[in-house]
């Protein structure tokens, strides 16, 4: 059985990896243009929102998800 804390930690880990991946791709210079594009910005905002949701779930404790 998965608890809310475990689910929250999983969501936080995925969102951190995804957000850092988006930033790393831009830093490595992949693509034709420099700078963050609109879809990259949306991805970063989505990653941050997922982190907030994950952190909220971790505070709910060991109840089943």
Protein backbone atom coordinates (compact mmCIF):
# COMPACT_ATOMS: atom_id res chain seq x y z
CA UNK A 1 0.00 0.00 0.00
CA UNK A 2 1.34 3.42 -0.96
CA UNK A 3 1.06 6.18 1.62
CA UNK A 4 0.54 9.86 0.93
CA UNK A 5 4.07 10.59 2.15
CA UNK A 6 5.59 8.08 -0.30
CA UNK A 7 3.47 9.41 -3.16
CA UNK A 8 4.47 12.98 -2.27
CA UNK A 9 8.17 12.12 -2.21
CA UNK A 10 7.83 10.37 -5.58
CA UNK A 11 6.10 13.41 -7.11
CA UNK A 12 8.73 15.77 -5.68
CA UNK A 13 11.57 13.61 -7.03
CA UNK A 14 10.03 13.43 -10.51
CA UNK A 15 9.33 17.15 -10.65
CA UNK A 16 12.86 18.05 -9.50
CA UNK A 17 14.39 15.77 -12.15
CA UNK A 18 12.08 17.16 -14.83
CA UNK A 19 12.66 20.80 -13.94
CA UNK A 20 16.42 20.35 -13.74
CA UNK A 21 16.29 18.50 -17.06
CA UNK A 22 14.53 21.40 -18.75
CA UNK A 23 17.09 23.85 -17.38
CA UNK A 24 20.02 21.56 -18.28
CA UNK A 25 18.87 21.17 -21.88
CA UNK A 26 18.80 24.94 -22.23
CA UNK A 27 22.17 25.34 -20.53
CA UNK A 28 23.75 22.79 -22.87
CA UNK A 29 22.53 24.79 -25.84
CA UNK A 30 20.28 22.19 -27.43
CA UNK A 31 18.15 23.66 -30.21
CA UNK A 32 18.57 26.61 -32.51
CA UNK A 33 17.73 29.52 -30.24
CA UNK A 34 19.14 30.70 -26.95
CA UNK A 35 17.08 31.42 -23.87
CA UNK A 36 14.03 29.78 -22.41
CA UNK A 37 11.08 29.42 -24.74
CA UNK A 38 7.41 29.59 -23.75
CA UNK A 39 7.00 25.81 -23.51
CA UNK A 40 10.10 25.54 -21.35
CA UNK A 41 8.71 28.20 -19.04
CA UNK A 42 5.41 26.30 -18.82
CA UNK A 43 7.34 23.12 -18.02
CA UNK A 44 9.26 24.84 -15.25
CA UNK A 45 6.07 26.32 -13.78
CA UNK A 46 4.42 22.90 -13.97
CA UNK A 47 7.40 21.33 -12.23
CA UNK A 48 7.27 23.87 -9.43
CA UNK A 49 3.53 23.33 -9.00
CA UNK A 50 4.07 19.57 -8.89
CA UNK A 51 6.72 20.10 -6.19
CA UNK A 52 4.23 22.10 -4.13
CA UNK A 53 1.60 19.35 -4.47
CA UNK A 54 4.17 16.70 -3.55
CA UNK A 55 5.30 18.62 -0.49
CA UNK A 56 1.68 19.04 0.60
CA UNK A 57 1.18 15.29 0.29
CA UNK A 58 4.24 14.52 2.40
CA UNK A 59 2.78 16.53 5.26
CA UNK A 60 -0.40 14.39 5.28
CA UNK A 61 1.48 11.49 6.83
CA UNK A 62 1.19 7.75 6.56
CA UNK A 63 -2.44 7.49 5.55
CA UNK A 64 -3.13 5.44 2.41
CA UNK A 65 -3.11 7.42 -0.82
